[in-house]
Structure formats: structure tokens, C-alpha cells
């Protein structure tokens, strides 16, 4: 859905500037990488998902400047699920104990 919105903004639908399509396209690409990392059998799946979580947090912060605080609020459930899959939250502590 995010990529469809980016295409609509880039095509000039509505009153928004076409520059607003850049953060939307970046977020869409980042989440596509997360989907591929979740489906493909990778040895470093957790590391890849952690990189995606960090990249999505940074992109949401940059998008908040362009779109306002609504974008991070909308992305919070998806980023939370990514953080859980990456092992940042709800994993019962550090594995190095």
C-alpha cells in the first residue's frame, strides 16, 4: 500500500509535492527487504532484520519531518513486529548470559 501511495504522489495525484514520494518509496523498499528476509532461509536472518528495524526507524524519523507525526504512529505496529522478529523485544533477555 505504501508503494501505491508513493506512485500516486509521484504521478502528481493530489496537491502534495512529488518530493513526498521519496520517503514513502524508501519505507516501501525497506519493508520489502524485511519480507524477503523473513521468507527466505538465511543464516543471518536476525542480523538482516535488525538492520531493517534500524533503517525503518531512521526512515520513519525522516518521514516525520516531511509528513508530520502521523507517519511514525502509522508505522509503529509494523516496526514493533519487526523488532520482535529481530530479537530486540520480548525475547527473554540477552543470549550471552
PDB file of N, CA and C in Angstrom:
ATOM      1  N   UNK A   1       0.807  -1.174   0.000  1.00  0.00           N
ATOM      2  CA  UNK A   1       0.000   0.000   0.000  1.00  0.00           C
ATOM      3  C   UNK A   1       0.869   1.263   0.000  1.00  0.00           C
ATOM      4  N   UNK A   2       1.986   1.189   0.706  1.00  0.00           N
ATOM      5  CA  UNK A   2       2.871   2.347   0.789  1.00  0.00           C
ATOM      6  C   UNK A   2       3.472   2.660  -0.587  1.00  0.00           C
ATOM      7  N   UNK A   3       3.811   1.631  -1.353  1.00  0.00           N
ATOM      8  CA  UNK A   3       4.384   1.877  -2.677  1.00  0.00           C
ATOM      9  C   UNK A   3       3.317   2.453  -3.618  1.00  0.00           C
ATOM     10  N   UNK A   4       2.064   2.033  -3.450  1.00  0.00           N
ATOM     11  CA  UNK A   4       0.989   2.602  -4.264  1.00  0.00           C
ATOM     12  C   UNK A   4       0.804   4.083  -3.955  1.00  0.00           C
ATOM     13  N   UNK A   5       0.912   4.440  -2.691  1.00  0.00           N
ATOM     14  CA  UNK A   5       0.814   5.847  -2.312  1.00  0.00           C
ATOM     15  C   UNK A   5       1.989   6.645  -2.868  1.00  0.00           C
ATOM     16  N   UNK A   6       3.188   6.056  -2.837  1.00  0.00           N
ATOM     17  CA  UNK A   6       4.361   6.731  -3.393  1.00  0.00           C
ATOM     18  C   UNK A   6       4.208   6.965  -4.892  1.00  0.00           C
ATOM     19  N   UNK A   7       3.668   5.986  -5.600  1.00  0.00           N
ATOM     20  CA  UNK A   7       3.459   6.131  -7.041  1.00  0.00           C
ATOM     21  C   UNK A   7       2.408   7.198  -7.324  1.00  0.00           C
ATOM     22  N   UNK A   8       1.346   7.216  -6.518  1.00  0.00           N
ATOM     23  CA  UNK A   8       0.292   8.219  -6.719  1.00  0.00           C
ATOM     24  C   UNK A   8       0.824   9.625  -6.467  1.00  0.00           C
ATOM     25  N   UNK A   9       1.654   9.775  -5.438  1.00  0.00           N
ATOM     26  CA  UNK A   9       2.221  11.092  -5.146  1.00  0.00           C
ATOM     27  C   UNK A   9       3.197  11.498  -6.238  1.00  0.00           C
ATOM     28  N   UNK A  10       4.023  10.547  -6.705  1.00  0.00           N
ATOM     29  CA  UNK A  10       4.990  10.852  -7.757  1.00  0.00           C
ATOM     30  C   UNK A  10       4.302  11.182  -9.076  1.00  0.00           C
ATOM     31  N   UNK A  11       3.140  10.580  -9.313  1.00  0.00           N
ATOM     32  CA  UNK A  11       2.413  10.836 -10.552  1.00  0.00           C
ATOM     33  C   UNK A  11       1.698  12.182 -10.527  1.00  0.00           C
ATOM     34  N   UNK A  12       1.648  12.794  -9.358  1.00  0.00           N
ATOM     35  CA  UNK A  12       1.044  14.110  -9.274  1.00  0.00           C
ATOM     36  C   UNK A  12      -0.406  14.106  -8.858  1.00  0.00           C
ATOM     37  N   UNK A  13      -0.890  12.990  -8.309  1.00  0.00           N
ATOM     38  CA  UNK A  13      -2.272  12.944  -7.844  1.00  0.00           C
ATOM     39  C   UNK A  13      -2.395  13.752  -6.555  1.00  0.00           C
ATOM     40  N   UNK A  14      -3.278  14.684  -6.533  1.00  0.00           N
ATOM     41  CA  UNK A  14      -3.496  15.489  -5.332  1.00  0.00           C
ATOM     42  C   UNK A  14      -2.619  16.730  -5.316  1.00  0.00           C
ATOM     43  N   UNK A  15      -2.603  17.388  -4.151  1.00  0.00           N
ATOM     44  CA  UNK A  15      -1.892  18.650  -4.012  1.00  0.00           C
ATOM     45  C   UNK A  15      -0.491  18.497  -3.438  1.00  0.00           C
ATOM     46  N   UNK A  16      -0.069  17.293  -3.091  1.00  0.00           N
ATOM     47  CA  UNK A  16       1.230  17.084  -2.436  1.00  0.00           C
ATOM     48  C   UNK A  16       2.375  17.253  -3.432  1.00  0.00           C
ATOM     49  N   UNK A  17       3.515  17.685  -2.914  1.00  0.00           N
ATOM     50  CA  UNK A  17       4.716  17.798  -3.730  1.00  0.00           C
ATOM     51  C   UNK A  17       5.229  16.407  -4.083  1.00  0.00           C
ATOM     52  N   UNK A  18       5.866  16.295  -5.214  1.00  0.00           N
ATOM     53  CA  UNK A  18       6.395  14.993  -5.631  1.00  0.00           C
ATOM     54  C   UNK A  18       7.578  14.545  -4.783  1.00  0.00           C
ATOM     55  N   UNK A  19       8.171  15.456  -4.057  1.00  0.00           N
ATOM     56  CA  UNK A  19       9.271  15.080  -3.169  1.00  0.00           C
ATOM     57  C   UNK A  19       8.798  14.210  -2.014  1.00  0.00           C
ATOM     58  N   UNK A  20       7.514  14.272  -1.694  1.00  0.00           N
ATOM     59  CA  UNK A  20       6.967  13.439  -0.631  1.00  0.00           C
ATOM     60  C   UNK A  20       6.974  11.957  -0.998  1.00  0.00           C
ATOM     61  N   UNK A  21       7.136  11.641  -2.273  1.00  0.00           N
ATOM     62  CA  UNK A  21       7.172  10.246  -2.697  1.00  0.00           C
ATOM     63  C   UNK A  21       8.479   9.566  -2.300  1.00  0.00           C
ATOM     64  N   UNK A  22       9.541  10.328  -2.070  1.00  0.00           N
ATOM     65  CA  UNK A  22      10.843   9.738  -1.755  1.00  0.00           C
ATOM     66  C   UNK A  22      10.828   8.960  -0.440  1.00  0.00           C
ATOM     67  N   UNK A  23      10.385   9.551   0.694  1.00  0.00           N
ATOM     68  CA  UNK A  23      10.361   8.750   1.925  1.00  0.00           C
ATOM     69  C   UNK A  23       9.405   7.569   1.844  1.00  0.00           C
ATOM     70  N   UNK A  24       8.300   7.734   1.134  1.00  0.00           N
ATOM     71  CA  UNK A  24       7.361   6.619   1.001  1.00  0.00           C
ATOM     72  C   UNK A  24       7.978   5.465   0.218  1.00  0.00           C
ATOM     73  N   UNK A  25       8.703   5.781  -0.839  1.00  0.00           N
ATOM     74  CA  UNK A  25       9.371   4.729  -1.619  1.00  0.00           C
ATOM     75  C   UNK A  25      10.472   4.059  -0.802  1.00  0.00           C
ATOM     76  N   UNK A  26      11.207   4.826  -0.004  1.00  0.00           N
ATOM     77  CA  UNK A  26      12.250   4.244   0.843  1.00  0.00           C
ATOM     78  C   UNK A  26      11.660   3.294   1.887  1.00  0.00           C
ATOM     79  N   UNK A  27      10.591   3.712   2.522  1.00  0.00           N
ATOM     80  CA  UNK A  27       9.951   2.863   3.520  1.00  0.00           C
ATOM     81  C   UNK A  27       9.416   1.589   2.867  1.00  0.00           C
ATOM     82  N   UNK A  28       8.839   1.707   1.694  1.00  0.00           N
ATOM     83  CA  UNK A  28       8.328   0.535   0.985  1.00  0.00           C
ATOM     84  C   UNK A  28       9.442  -0.443   0.652  1.00  0.00           C
ATOM     85  N   UNK A  29      10.580   0.071   0.215  1.00  0.00           N
ATOM     86  CA  UNK A  29      11.718  -0.779  -0.117  1.00  0.00           C
ATOM     87  C   UNK A  29      12.259  -1.473   1.123  1.00  0.00           C
ATOM     88  N   UNK A  30      12.327  -0.746   2.232  1.00  0.00           N
ATOM     89  CA  UNK A  30      12.833  -1.330   3.473  1.00  0.00           C
ATOM     90  C   UNK A  30      11.928  -2.463   3.951  1.00  0.00           C
ATOM     91  N   UNK A  31      10.621  -2.248   3.904  1.00  0.00           N
ATOM     92  CA  UNK A  31       9.710  -3.304   4.337  1.00  0.00           C
ATOM     93  C   UNK A  31       9.701  -4.484   3.366  1.00  0.00           C
ATOM     94  N   UNK A  32       9.958  -4.242   2.081  1.00  0.00           N
ATOM     95  CA  UNK A  32      10.079  -5.352   1.125  1.00  0.00           C
ATOM     96  C   UNK A  32      11.290  -6.216   1.463  1.00  0.00           C
ATOM     97  N   UNK A  33      12.392  -5.593   1.864  1.00  0.00           N
ATOM     98  CA  UNK A  33      13.576  -6.345   2.289  1.00  0.00           C
ATOM     99  C   UNK A  33      13.250  -7.178   3.525  1.00  0.00           C
ATOM    100  N   UNK A  34      12.468  -6.638   4.444  1.00  0.00           N
ATOM    101  CA  UNK A  34      12.084  -7.380   5.650  1.00  0.00           C
ATOM    102  C   UNK A  34      11.235  -8.593   5.296  1.00  0.00           C
ATOM    103  N   UNK A  35      10.347  -8.447   4.337  1.00  0.00           N
ATOM    104  CA  UNK A  35       9.519  -9.579   3.916  1.00  0.00           C
ATOM    105  C   UNK A  35      10.376 -10.662   3.295  1.00  0.00           C
ATOM    106  N   UNK A  36      11.311 -10.277   2.450  1.00  0.00           N
ATOM    107  CA  UNK A  36      12.195 -11.257   1.815  1.00  0.00           C
ATOM    108  C   UNK A  36      13.072 -11.944   2.849  1.00  0.00           C
ATOM    109  N   UNK A  37      13.603 -11.184   3.812  1.00  0.00           N
ATOM    110  CA  UNK A  37      14.441 -11.771   4.859  1.00  0.00           C
ATOM    111  C   UNK A  37      13.649 -12.712   5.754  1.00  0.00           C
ATOM    112  N   UNK A  38      12.372 -12.462   5.924  1.00  0.00           N
ATOM    113  CA  UNK A  38      11.545 -13.325   6.758  1.00  0.00           C
ATOM    114  C   UNK A  38      11.169 -14.620   6.048  1.00  0.00           C
ATOM    115  N   UNK A  39      11.033 -14.571   4.741  1.00  0.00           N
ATOM    116  CA  UNK A  39      10.583 -15.737   3.987  1.00  0.00           C
ATOM    117  C   UNK A  39      11.750 -16.627   3.556  1.00  0.00           C
ATOM    118  N   UNK A  40      12.845 -16.035   3.143  1.00  0.00           N
ATOM    119  CA  UNK A  40      13.991 -16.795   2.648  1.00  0.00           C
ATOM    120  C   UNK A  40      14.769 -17.425   3.802  1.00  0.00           C
ATOM    121  N   UNK A  41      15.260 -18.628   3.621  1.00  0.00           N
ATOM    122  CA  UNK A  41      16.076 -19.239   4.682  1.00  0.00           C
ATOM    123  C   UNK A  41      17.496 -18.650   4.675  1.00  0.00           C
ATOM    124  N   UNK A  42      17.751 -17.686   5.536  1.00  0.00           N
ATOM    125  CA  UNK A  42      19.045 -17.031   5.627  1.00  0.00           C
ATOM    126  C   UNK A  42      19.751 -17.449   6.900  1.00  0.00           C
ATOM    127  N   UNK A  43      21.078 -17.528   6.850  1.00  0.00           N
ATOM    128  CA  UNK A  43      21.846 -17.829   8.049  1.00  0.00           C
ATOM    129  C   UNK A  43      21.838 -16.640   9.007  1.00  0.00           C
ATOM    130  N   UNK A  44      21.871 -15.451   8.469  1.00  0.00           N
ATOM    131  CA  UNK A  44      21.932 -14.247   9.290  1.00  0.00           C
ATOM    132  C   UNK A  44      20.599 -13.501   9.257  1.00  0.00           C
ATOM    133  N   UNK A  45      19.503 -14.238   9.398  1.00  0.00           N
ATOM    134  CA  UNK A  45      18.167 -13.645   9.327  1.00  0.00           C
ATOM    135  C   UNK A  45      17.970 -12.588  10.409  1.00  0.00           C
ATOM    136  N   UNK A  46      18.382 -12.898  11.636  1.00  0.00           N
ATOM    137  CA  UNK A  46      18.199 -11.956  12.740  1.00  0.00           C
ATOM    138  C   UNK A  46      19.000 -10.678  12.516  1.00  0.00           C
ATOM    139  N   UNK A  47      20.211 -10.802  11.993  1.00  0.00           N
ATOM    140  CA  UNK A  47      21.034  -9.627  11.704  1.00  0.00           C
ATOM    141  C   UNK A  47      20.395  -8.779  10.606  1.00  0.00           C
ATOM    142  N   UNK A  48      19.871  -9.428   9.581  1.00  0.00           N
ATOM    143  CA  UNK A  48      19.218  -8.697   8.497  1.00  0.00           C
ATOM    144  C   UNK A  48      17.981  -7.962   9.008  1.00  0.00           C
ATOM    145  N   UNK A  49      17.204  -8.630   9.859  1.00  0.00           N
ATOM    146  CA  UNK A  49      16.010  -7.982  10.392  1.00  0.00           C
ATOM    147  C   UNK A  49      16.365  -6.833  11.326  1.00  0.00           C
ATOM    148  N   UNK A  50      17.454  -6.957  12.072  1.00  0.00           N
ATOM    149  CA  UNK A  50      17.879  -5.854  12.928  1.00  0.00           C
ATOM    150  C   UNK A  50      18.277  -4.637  12.096  1.00  0.00           C
ATOM    151  N   UNK A  51      18.950  -4.869  10.987  1.00  0.00           N
ATOM    152  CA  UNK A  51      19.289  -3.763  10.082  1.00  0.00           C
ATOM    153  C   UNK A  51      18.050  -3.106   9.506  1.00  0.00           C
ATOM    154  N   UNK A  52      17.049  -3.921   9.189  1.00  0.00           N
ATOM    155  CA  UNK A  52      15.797  -3.377   8.656  1.00  0.00           C
ATOM    156  C   UNK A  52      15.075  -2.555   9.719  1.00  0.00           C
ATOM    157  N   UNK A  53      15.099  -3.018  10.985  1.00  0.00           N
ATOM    158  CA  UNK A  53      14.449  -2.253  12.057  1.00  0.00           C
ATOM    159  C   UNK A  53      15.119  -0.893  12.213  1.00  0.00           C
ATOM    160  N   UNK A  54      16.427  -0.878  12.229  1.00  0.00           N
ATOM    161  CA  UNK A  54      17.152   0.386  12.378  1.00  0.00           C
ATOM    162  C   UNK A  54      16.877   1.309  11.193  1.00  0.00           C
ATOM    163  N   UNK A  55      16.910   0.753   9.981  1.00  0.00           N
ATOM    164  CA  UNK A  55      16.652   1.568   8.793  1.00  0.00           C
ATOM    165  C   UNK A  55      15.221   2.088   8.778  1.00  0.00           C
ATOM    166  N   UNK A  56      14.262   1.272   9.216  1.00  0.00           N
ATOM    167  CA  UNK A  56      12.875   1.739   9.221  1.00  0.00           C
ATOM    168  C   UNK A  56      12.644   2.804  10.287  1.00  0.00           C
ATOM    169  N   UNK A  57      13.329   2.700  11.423  1.00  0.00           N
ATOM    170  CA  UNK A  57      13.214   3.750  12.440  1.00  0.00           C
ATOM    171  C   UNK A  57      13.784   5.075  11.935  1.00  0.00           C
ATOM    172  N   UNK A  58      14.929   4.996  11.268  1.00  0.00           N
ATOM    173  CA  UNK A  58      15.522   6.216  10.720  1.00  0.00           C
ATOM    174  C   UNK A  58      14.650   6.833   9.634  1.00  0.00           C
ATOM    175  N   UNK A  59      14.103   5.985   8.780  1.00  0.00           N
ATOM    176  CA  UNK A  59      13.253   6.491   7.703  1.00  0.00           C
ATOM    177  C   UNK A  59      11.951   7.072   8.250  1.00  0.00           C
ATOM    178  N   UNK A  60      11.404   6.449   9.290  1.00  0.00           N
ATOM    179  CA  UNK A  60      10.186   6.989   9.906  1.00  0.00           C
ATOM    180  C   UNK A  60      10.467   8.343  10.545  1.00  0.00           C
ATOM    181  N   UNK A  61      11.648   8.494  11.128  1.00  0.00           N
ATOM    182  CA  UNK A  61      12.005   9.781  11.733  1.00  0.00           C
ATOM    183  C   UNK A  61      12.150  10.859  10.662  1.00  0.00           C
ATOM    184  N   UNK A  62      12.786  10.505   9.554  1.00  0.00           N
ATOM    185  CA  UNK A  62      12.934  11.471   8.453  1.00  0.00           C
ATOM    186  C   UNK A  62      11.571  11.764   7.829  1.00  0.00           C
ATOM    187  N   UNK A  63      10.744  10.732   7.694  1.00  0.00           N
ATOM    188  CA  UNK A  63       9.403  10.929   7.151  1.00  0.00           C
ATOM    189  C   UNK A  63       8.523  11.767   8.052  1.00  0.00           C
ATOM    190  N   UNK A  64       8.798  11.719   9.365  1.00  0.00           N
ATOM    191  CA  UNK A  64       8.025  12.540  10.304  1.00  0.00           C
ATOM    192  C   UNK A  64       8.260  14.018  10.050  1.00  0.00           C
ATOM    193  N   UNK A  65       9.455  14.352   9.605  1.00  0.00           N
ATOM    194  CA  UNK A  65       9.742  15.744   9.276  1.00  0.00           C
ATOM    195  C   UNK A  65       8.928  16.174   8.055  1.00  0.00           C
ATOM    196  N   UNK A  66       8.811  15.272   7.079  1.00  0.00           N
ATOM    197  CA  UNK A  66       8.095  15.607   5.850  1.00  0.00           C
ATOM    198  C   UNK A  66       6.582  15.535   6.009  1.00  0.00           C
ATOM    199  N   UNK A  67       6.091  14.516   6.724  1.00  0.00           N
ATOM    200  CA  UNK A  67       4.652  14.270   6.796  1.00  0.00           C
ATOM    201  C   UNK A  67       4.019  14.653   8.124  1.00  0.00           C
ATOM    202  N   UNK A  68       4.816  14.852   9.141  1.00  0.00           N
ATOM    203  CA  UNK A  68       4.285  15.135  10.467  1.00  0.00           C
ATOM    204  C   UNK A  68       4.294  13.878  11.320  1.00  0.00           C
ATOM    205  N   UNK A  69       3.774  13.964  12.517  1.00  0.00           N
ATOM    206  CA  UNK A  69       3.849  12.836  13.450  1.00  0.00           C
ATOM    207  C   UNK A  69       2.935  11.664  13.102  1.00  0.00           C
ATOM    208  N   UNK A  70       2.112  11.812  12.082  1.00  0.00           N
ATOM    209  CA  UNK A  70       1.210  10.724  11.730  1.00  0.00           C
ATOM    210  C   UNK A  70       1.952   9.515  11.167  1.00  0.00           C
ATOM    211  N   UNK A  71       3.005   9.737  10.411  1.00  0.00           N
ATOM    212  CA  UNK A  71       3.719   8.627   9.780  1.00  0.00           C
ATOM    213  C   UNK A  71       4.339   7.677  10.806  1.00  0.00           C
ATOM    214  N   UNK A  72       5.080   8.148  11.806  1.00  0.00           N
ATOM    215  CA  UNK A  72       5.602   7.201  12.795  1.00  0.00           C
ATOM    216  C   UNK A  72       4.507   6.469  13.571  1.00  0.00           C
ATOM    217  N   UNK A  73       3.396   7.137  13.801  1.00  0.00           N
ATOM    218  CA  UNK A  73       2.291   6.485  14.514  1.00  0.00           C
ATOM    219  C   UNK A  73       1.719   5.345  13.678  1.00  0.00           C
ATOM    220  N   UNK A  74       1.584   5.570  12.391  1.00  0.00           N
ATOM    221  CA  UNK A  74       1.054   4.539  11.499  1.00  0.00           C
ATOM    222  C   UNK A  74       2.036   3.380  11.369  1.00  0.00           C
ATOM    223  N   UNK A  75       3.325   3.668  11.362  1.00  0.00           N
ATOM    224  CA  UNK A  75       4.339   2.626  11.190  1.00  0.00           C
ATOM    225  C   UNK A  75       4.688   1.883  12.476  1.00  0.00           C
ATOM    226  N   UNK A  76       4.213   2.334  13.623  1.00  0.00           N
ATOM    227  CA  UNK A  76       4.569   1.723  14.901  1.00  0.00           C
ATOM    228  C   UNK A  76       4.241   0.232  14.973  1.00  0.00           C
ATOM    229  N   UNK A  77       3.059  -0.246  14.562  1.00  0.00           N
ATOM    230  CA  UNK A  77       2.811  -1.690  14.639  1.00  0.00           C
ATOM    231  C   UNK A  77       3.769  -2.518  13.775  1.00  0.00           C
ATOM    232  N   UNK A  78       4.038  -2.046  12.571  1.00  0.00           N
ATOM    233  CA  UNK A  78       4.940  -2.791  11.689  1.00  0.00           C
ATOM    234  C   UNK A  78       6.364  -2.812  12.237  1.00  0.00           C
ATOM    235  N   UNK A  79       6.838  -1.685  12.748  1.00  0.00           N
ATOM    236  CA  UNK A  79       8.186  -1.629  13.295  1.00  0.00           C
ATOM    237  C   UNK A  79       8.269  -2.457  14.577  1.00  0.00           C
ATOM    238  N   UNK A  80       7.199  -2.464  15.362  1.00  0.00           N
ATOM    239  CA  UNK A  80       7.167  -3.298  16.564  1.00  0.00           C
ATOM    240  C   UNK A  80       7.249  -4.784  16.241  1.00  0.00           C
ATOM    241  N   UNK A  81       6.539  -5.216  15.221  1.00  0.00           N
ATOM    242  CA  UNK A  81       6.613  -6.618  14.806  1.00  0.00           C
ATOM    243  C   UNK A  81       7.999  -6.973  14.269  1.00  0.00           C
ATOM    244  N   UNK A  82       8.593  -6.046  13.524  1.00  0.00           N
ATOM    245  CA  UNK A  82       9.956  -6.274  13.042  1.00  0.00           C
ATOM    246  C   UNK A  82      10.945  -6.370  14.199  1.00  0.00           C
ATOM    247  N   UNK A  83      10.779  -5.507  15.195  1.00  0.00           N
ATOM    248  CA  UNK A  83      11.672  -5.539  16.358  1.00  0.00           C
ATOM    249  C   UNK A  83      11.529  -6.843  17.121  1.00  0.00           C
ATOM    250  N   UNK A  84      10.323  -7.362  17.207  1.00  0.00           N
ATOM    251  CA  UNK A  84      10.131  -8.648  17.871  1.00  0.00           C
ATOM    252  C   UNK A  84      10.771  -9.777  17.070  1.00  0.00           C
ATOM    253  N   UNK A  85      10.614  -9.761  15.758  1.00  0.00           N
ATOM    254  CA  UNK A  85      11.225 -10.793  14.917  1.00  0.00           C
ATOM    255  C   UNK A  85      12.741 -10.717  14.940  1.00  0.00           C
ATOM    256  N   UNK A  86      13.283  -9.512  15.080  1.00  0.00           N
ATOM    257  CA  UNK A  86      14.734  -9.329  15.104  1.00  0.00           C
ATOM    258  C   UNK A  86      15.340  -9.669  16.458  1.00  0.00           C
ATOM    259  N   UNK A  87      14.507  -9.832  17.479  1.00  0.00           N
ATOM    260  CA  UNK A  87      15.012 -10.198  18.794  1.00  0.00           C
ATOM    261  C   UNK A  87      15.301  -9.020  19.697  1.00  0.00           C
ATOM    262  N   UNK A  88      14.810  -7.847  19.338  1.00  0.00           N
ATOM    263  CA  UNK A  88      15.028  -6.675  20.183  1.00  0.00           C
ATOM    264  C   UNK A  88      14.121  -6.671  21.398  1.00  0.00           C
ATOM    265  N   UNK A  89      12.888  -7.143  21.240  1.00  0.00           N
ATOM    266  CA  UNK A  89      11.928  -7.091  22.343  1.00  0.00           C
ATOM    267  C   UNK A  89      11.263  -8.453  22.529  1.00  0.00           C
ATOM    268  N   UNK A  90      10.824  -8.720  23.745  1.00  0.00           N
ATOM    269  CA  UNK A  90      10.064  -9.918  24.112  1.00  0.00           C
ATOM    270  C   UNK A  90      10.815 -11.220  23.831  1.00  0.00           C
ATOM    271  N   UNK A  91      12.122 -11.236  24.040  1.00  0.00           N
ATOM    272  CA  UNK A  91      12.897 -12.445  23.783  1.00  0.00           C
ATOM    273  C   UNK A  91      13.474 -13.063  25.044  1.00  0.00           C
ATOM    274  N   UNK A  92      13.180 -12.529  26.179  1.00  0.00           N
ATOM    275  CA  UNK A  92      13.622 -13.130  27.435  1.00  0.00           C
ATOM    276  C   UNK A  92      15.050 -12.797  27.809  1.00  0.00           C
ATOM    277  N   UNK A  93      15.568 -11.679  27.403  1.00  0.00           N
ATOM    278  CA  UNK A  93      16.899 -11.261  27.801  1.00  0.00           C
ATOM    279  C   UNK A  93      17.954 -11.580  26.771  1.00  0.00           C
ATOM    280  N   UNK A  94      19.174 -11.297  27.159  1.00  0.00           N
ATOM    281  CA  UNK A  94      20.320 -11.465  26.266  1.00  0.00           C
ATOM    282  C   UNK A  94      20.694 -12.937  26.152  1.00  0.00           C
ATOM    283  N   UNK A  95      21.176 -13.351  24.989  1.00  0.00           N
ATOM    284  CA  UNK A  95      21.618 -14.724  24.767  1.00  0.00           C
ATOM    285  C   UNK A  95      23.019 -14.972  25.319  1.00  0.00           C
ATOM    286  N   UNK A  96      23.715 -13.916  25.703  1.00  0.00           N
ATOM    287  CA  UNK A  96      25.095 -14.029  26.150  1.00  0.00           C
ATOM    288  C   UNK A  96      25.197 -14.327  27.651  1.00  0.00           C
ATOM    289  N   UNK A  97      24.114 -14.496  28.337  1.00  0.00           N
ATOM    290  CA  UNK A  97      24.140 -14.758  29.785  1.00  0.00           C
ATOM    291  C   UNK A  97      24.617 -16.145  30.079  1.00  0.00           C
TER     292      UNK A  97
END
